[in-house]
Amino acid sequence: MITYDMKTISPNTSGPASNSAVIFGADNQGAATPVPYGFGAFRTAVQGLLLAANRWQIPFGIIGVNAGGALSANTITFFLGYLPQKCTITALGNRVSTLAASGNFQNAIYANSSSMRPTGTALASTASMSTAATGHLNSAVNVQLDVGWYWWATNVDTNAGSTVRLDGVNGSIAAGIVGAATQANNIFDGIGNGSLTLAQTFNTWPDVTASSFSEGFPSTPVVQYKVGSVP
């Protein structure tokens, strides 16, 4: 019969980090000082390569886009979308479908809270992008994010009567996850798609942890992101 010299260790009740777990000591047995072994590569092998470097993507959960509509000035629009693989994001952008000569917009990414709402400060945000011409625009960022749900945000400095329009969402999987305070706001009656809004001066991305958001905004920009590397 084979016996093993198992040493006593104190369990880590807080759980492992996102991509690693402590299971063995340096001698492949229990150890007074356990050694963390990374499992990021193993997870990628099981999960499969879902994202590729130097490709433009949209957050998972978008069913389709449309021409959108005029956005309110100084109002952040948040859209919940899933990032399927850990990666470094190097740019955010959108498409201007109708120009406004003096307008600008910015994009940002926020973390998701346990109550399925934006939380904390922006994980990444862009410089201003001009709406003086139609077409696809983007601005550089540099942030590495793990798998999970994130809020993809847009703010504009034009007034509600302008002709600026960015591509919008006409439906999303996120609507069934975010939920709403009323039945009407949760995608029914043509006014809900799971997005949220927050009044905020343009060019300022605040800490939104304690913010109260408005629901049921019908015109929601779809933020595109560029994958710089995986992971």
Protein backbone atom coordinates (compact mmCIF):
# COMPACT_ATOMS: atom_id res chain seq x y z
CA MET A 1 0.00 0.00 0.00
CA ILE A 2 1.33 3.45 -0.94
CA THR A 3 1.20 6.16 1.70
CA TYR A 4 1.52 9.89 1.26
CA ASP A 5 2.96 12.46 3.57
CA MET A 6 0.14 14.99 3.57
CA LYS A 7 0.88 18.17 5.48
CA THR A 8 -1.75 20.23 7.19
CA ILE A 9 -2.66 23.54 5.61
CA SER A 10 -5.26 26.18 6.40
CA PRO A 11 -7.87 26.45 3.64
CA ASN A 12 -8.33 29.72 1.81
CA THR A 13 -12.04 30.30 2.34
CA SER A 14 -12.11 33.39 0.14
CA GLY A 15 -11.70 31.24 -2.96
CA PRO A 16 -9.17 31.36 -5.79
CA ALA A 17 -8.42 34.29 -8.06
CA SER A 18 -10.16 34.52 -11.42
CA ASN A 19 -7.65 32.48 -13.40
CA SER A 20 -5.85 30.45 -10.75
CA ALA A 21 -6.33 28.08 -7.84
CA VAL A 22 -4.08 26.87 -5.02
CA ILE A 23 -4.14 23.07 -4.95
CA PHE A 24 -0.65 21.65 -4.39
CA GLY A 25 2.58 22.54 -2.72
CA ALA A 26 5.90 22.71 -4.54
CA ASP A 27 6.39 18.96 -3.99
CA ASN A 28 2.91 18.15 -5.35
CA GLN A 29 1.67 17.53 -1.83
CA GLY A 30 0.04 19.65 0.82
CA ALA A 31 2.43 22.41 1.86
CA ALA A 32 2.72 25.02 4.55
CA THR A 33 3.07 27.58 1.77
CA PRO A 34 0.86 26.48 -1.14
CA VAL A 35 1.90 27.42 -4.64
CA PRO A 36 -0.66 29.05 -6.99
CA TYR A 37 -0.89 27.45 -10.41
CA GLY A 38 -2.35 29.52 -13.24
CA PHE A 39 -5.27 28.00 -15.12
CA GLY A 40 -5.88 30.77 -17.62
CA ALA A 41 -4.37 28.76 -20.49
CA PHE A 42 -6.34 25.67 -19.47
CA ARG A 43 -9.57 27.63 -19.36
CA THR A 44 -8.86 29.04 -22.82
CA ALA A 45 -8.21 25.53 -24.15
CA VAL A 46 -11.53 24.26 -22.79
CA GLN A 47 -13.51 27.33 -23.71
CA GLY A 48 -11.93 27.75 -27.13
CA LEU A 49 -10.49 30.86 -28.69
CA LEU A 50 -13.43 33.23 -29.00
CA LEU A 51 -11.67 36.50 -29.79
CA ALA A 52 -8.76 37.27 -32.08
CA ALA A 53 -6.24 40.10 -31.94
CA ASN A 54 -6.69 43.10 -34.22
CA ARG A 55 -10.38 42.39 -34.80
CA TRP A 56 -13.32 44.72 -34.19
CA GLN A 57 -16.10 43.24 -32.08
CA ILE A 58 -19.40 44.20 -30.50
CA PRO A 59 -20.39 43.07 -26.99
CA PHE A 60 -22.18 39.72 -26.97
CA GLY A 61 -25.91 40.05 -26.40
CA ILE A 62 -26.80 42.43 -29.21
CA ILE A 63 -29.54 41.02 -31.43
CA GLY A 64 -29.37 43.76 -34.04
CA VAL A 65 -28.74 47.43 -34.68
CA ASN A 66 -30.70 50.16 -36.41
CA ALA A 67 -30.14 53.77 -37.40
CA GLY A 68 -30.71 54.93 -33.85
CA GLY A 69 -32.01 58.34 -32.93
CA ALA A 70 -30.96 61.71 -31.57
CA LEU A 71 -29.27 61.41 -28.19
CA SER A 72 -29.78 63.78 -25.27
CA ALA A 73 -26.84 66.06 -24.54
CA ASN A 74 -24.85 65.44 -21.37
CA THR A 75 -26.51 62.11 -20.74
CA ILE A 76 -24.58 58.84 -20.46
CA THR A 77 -26.27 55.89 -22.12
CA PHE A 78 -25.24 52.49 -20.69
CA PHE A 79 -25.66 49.20 -22.52
CA LEU A 80 -24.95 45.82 -20.86
CA GLY A 81 -22.93 43.45 -23.02
CA TYR A 82 -20.88 40.32 -22.37
CA LEU A 83 -17.13 40.00 -22.96
CA PRO A 84 -16.61 36.29 -23.76
CA GLN A 85 -12.86 36.09 -23.24
CA LYS A 86 -10.11 37.87 -21.34
CA CYS A 87 -8.45 40.35 -23.69
CA THR A 88 -6.78 43.73 -23.99
CA ILE A 89 -9.01 46.34 -25.62
CA THR A 90 -7.15 49.03 -27.55
CA ALA A 91 -9.94 51.16 -29.05
CA LEU A 92 -13.64 51.97 -28.73
CA GLY A 93 -15.83 53.45 -31.42
CA ASN A 94 -19.16 53.86 -33.13
CA ARG A 95 -20.76 54.89 -36.40
CA VAL A 96 -22.23 58.34 -37.03
CA SER A 97 -25.15 57.92 -39.40
CA THR A 98 -26.24 61.57 -39.56
CA LEU A 99 -23.70 64.33 -39.01
CA ALA A 100 -23.82 67.34 -36.73
CA ALA A 101 -21.13 69.86 -37.63
CA SER A 102 -20.21 70.89 -34.09
CA GLY A 103 -20.93 67.70 -32.20
CA ASN A 104 -18.73 65.23 -30.33
CA PHE A 105 -19.20 61.92 -28.57
CA GLN A 106 -17.15 59.71 -26.27
CA ASN A 107 -17.26 56.04 -25.25
CA ALA A 108 -16.37 54.30 -22.01
CA ILE A 109 -16.59 50.94 -20.23
CA TYR A 110 -17.88 50.40 -16.68
CA ALA A 111 -17.88 47.34 -14.42
CA ASN A 112 -21.12 45.55 -13.56
CA SER A 113 -22.38 45.27 -9.97
CA SER A 114 -24.13 42.34 -8.30
CA SER A 115 -27.41 44.22 -8.81
CA MET A 116 -26.77 44.33 -12.57
CA ARG A 117 -26.06 48.05 -12.67
CA PRO A 118 -22.95 50.07 -13.63
CA THR A 119 -20.56 50.59 -10.75
CA GLY A 120 -17.30 52.36 -9.92
CA THR A 121 -15.30 54.66 -12.16
CA ALA A 122 -14.81 54.10 -15.87
CA LEU A 123 -12.44 51.22 -16.62
CA ALA A 124 -11.56 52.92 -19.90
CA SER A 125 -12.73 56.03 -21.74
CA THR A 126 -11.97 57.66 -25.08
CA ALA A 127 -11.07 61.13 -26.23
CA SER A 128 -13.78 63.10 -28.03
CA MET A 129 -14.75 61.96 -31.53
CA SER A 130 -16.27 64.50 -33.91
CA THR A 131 -19.68 64.03 -35.51
CA ALA A 132 -18.87 66.54 -38.27
CA ALA A 133 -18.90 63.72 -40.81
CA THR A 134 -20.69 60.39 -41.09
CA GLY A 135 -18.90 57.07 -40.90
CA HIS A 136 -17.09 54.83 -38.43
CA LEU A 137 -15.00 56.55 -35.78
CA ASN A 138 -12.81 55.23 -32.98
CA SER A 139 -10.44 56.43 -30.28
CA ALA A 140 -7.62 54.61 -28.47
CA VAL A 141 -7.89 53.07 -25.00
CA ASN A 142 -5.75 50.48 -23.23
CA VAL A 143 -7.41 48.15 -20.75
CA GLN A 144 -7.28 44.40 -20.07
CA LEU A 145 -10.62 42.93 -18.99
CA ASP A 146 -11.59 39.45 -17.86
CA VAL A 147 -14.62 37.48 -18.98
CA GLY A 148 -17.87 38.97 -17.77
CA TRP A 149 -20.65 41.51 -18.15
CA TYR A 150 -19.68 45.15 -18.69
CA TRP A 151 -21.56 48.38 -19.30
CA TRP A 152 -20.61 50.03 -22.61
CA ALA A 153 -21.26 53.75 -22.37
CA THR A 154 -21.72 56.75 -24.68
CA ASN A 155 -22.12 60.47 -24.03
CA VAL A 156 -22.63 63.33 -26.51
CA ASP A 157 -22.25 67.11 -26.25
CA THR A 158 -24.98 68.01 -28.75
CA ASN A 159 -28.51 69.07 -27.81
CA ALA A 160 -31.57 66.88 -28.19
CA GLY A 161 -32.63 68.66 -31.36
CA SER A 162 -29.45 67.89 -33.28
CA THR A 163 -29.25 65.46 -36.16
CA VAL A 164 -26.55 63.32 -34.59
CA ARG A 165 -27.45 59.65 -34.62
CA LEU A 166 -25.30 56.70 -33.67
CA ASP A 167 -26.29 53.14 -34.47
CA GLY A 168 -28.78 51.89 -31.89
CA VAL A 169 -30.07 48.65 -30.45
CA ASN A 170 -33.51 47.33 -31.40
CA GLY A 171 -33.28 44.40 -29.02
CA SER A 172 -30.83 42.63 -26.76
CA ILE A 173 -30.35 39.57 -24.60
CA ALA A 174 -29.36 41.98 -21.84
CA ALA A 175 -32.94 43.22 -21.50
CA GLY A 176 -33.84 39.89 -19.92
CA ILE A 177 -30.96 40.17 -17.45
CA VAL A 178 -30.99 43.81 -16.41
CA GLY A 179 -34.68 43.87 -15.59
CA ALA A 180 -36.75 46.99 -15.01
CA ALA A 181 -38.89 48.64 -12.36
CA THR A 182 -41.98 48.38 -14.61
CA GLN A 183 -43.24 45.91 -17.19
CA ALA A 184 -43.29 48.60 -19.85
CA ASN A 185 -39.62 49.49 -19.43
CA ASN A 186 -38.48 45.89 -19.83
CA ILE A 187 -38.54 45.90 -23.68
CA PHE A 188 -42.34 46.14 -23.95
CA ASP A 189 -44.17 49.06 -25.57
CA GLY A 190 -41.13 49.81 -27.72
CA ILE A 191 -39.31 51.81 -25.06
CA GLY A 192 -36.98 49.34 -23.36
CA ASN A 193 -33.92 47.38 -24.42
CA GLY A 194 -32.13 46.92 -21.12
CA SER A 195 -30.23 50.19 -21.36
CA LEU A 196 -29.87 52.82 -18.65
CA THR A 197 -29.16 56.55 -18.68
CA LEU A 198 -27.58 59.01 -16.28
CA ALA A 199 -27.43 62.81 -16.53
CA GLN A 200 -23.75 63.76 -16.67
CA THR A 201 -21.76 66.67 -18.10
CA PHE A 202 -19.97 65.65 -21.29
CA ASN A 203 -16.24 64.84 -21.05
CA THR A 204 -16.58 63.73 -17.42
CA TRP A 205 -16.92 60.05 -16.51
CA PRO A 206 -17.95 59.84 -12.83
CA ASP A 207 -17.99 57.19 -10.14
CA VAL A 208 -21.49 55.76 -10.59
CA THR A 209 -21.54 53.39 -7.61
CA ALA A 210 -24.28 55.30 -5.79
CA SER A 211 -26.06 56.67 -8.88
CA SER A 212 -29.74 56.32 -9.70
CA PHE A 213 -30.30 55.39 -13.34
CA SER A 214 -33.24 55.95 -15.66
CA GLU A 215 -34.66 52.97 -17.57
CA GLY A 216 -36.21 52.33 -20.93
CA PHE A 217 -34.18 54.57 -23.22
CA PRO A 218 -35.12 53.51 -26.79
CA SER A 219 -32.09 54.78 -28.74
CA THR A 220 -28.94 53.11 -27.46
CA PRO A 221 -25.54 53.39 -29.15
CA VAL A 222 -23.77 50.08 -29.73
CA VAL A 223 -20.15 50.54 -28.66
CA GLN A 224 -17.65 48.66 -30.80
CA TYR A 225 -14.33 47.53 -29.35
CA LYS A 226 -11.02 46.48 -30.89
CA VAL A 227 -9.16 43.50 -29.48
CA GLY A 228 -5.46 44.30 -29.19
CA SER A 229 -4.37 40.94 -27.78
CA VAL A 230 -5.74 37.78 -26.18
CA PRO A 231 -5.33 37.77 -23.24
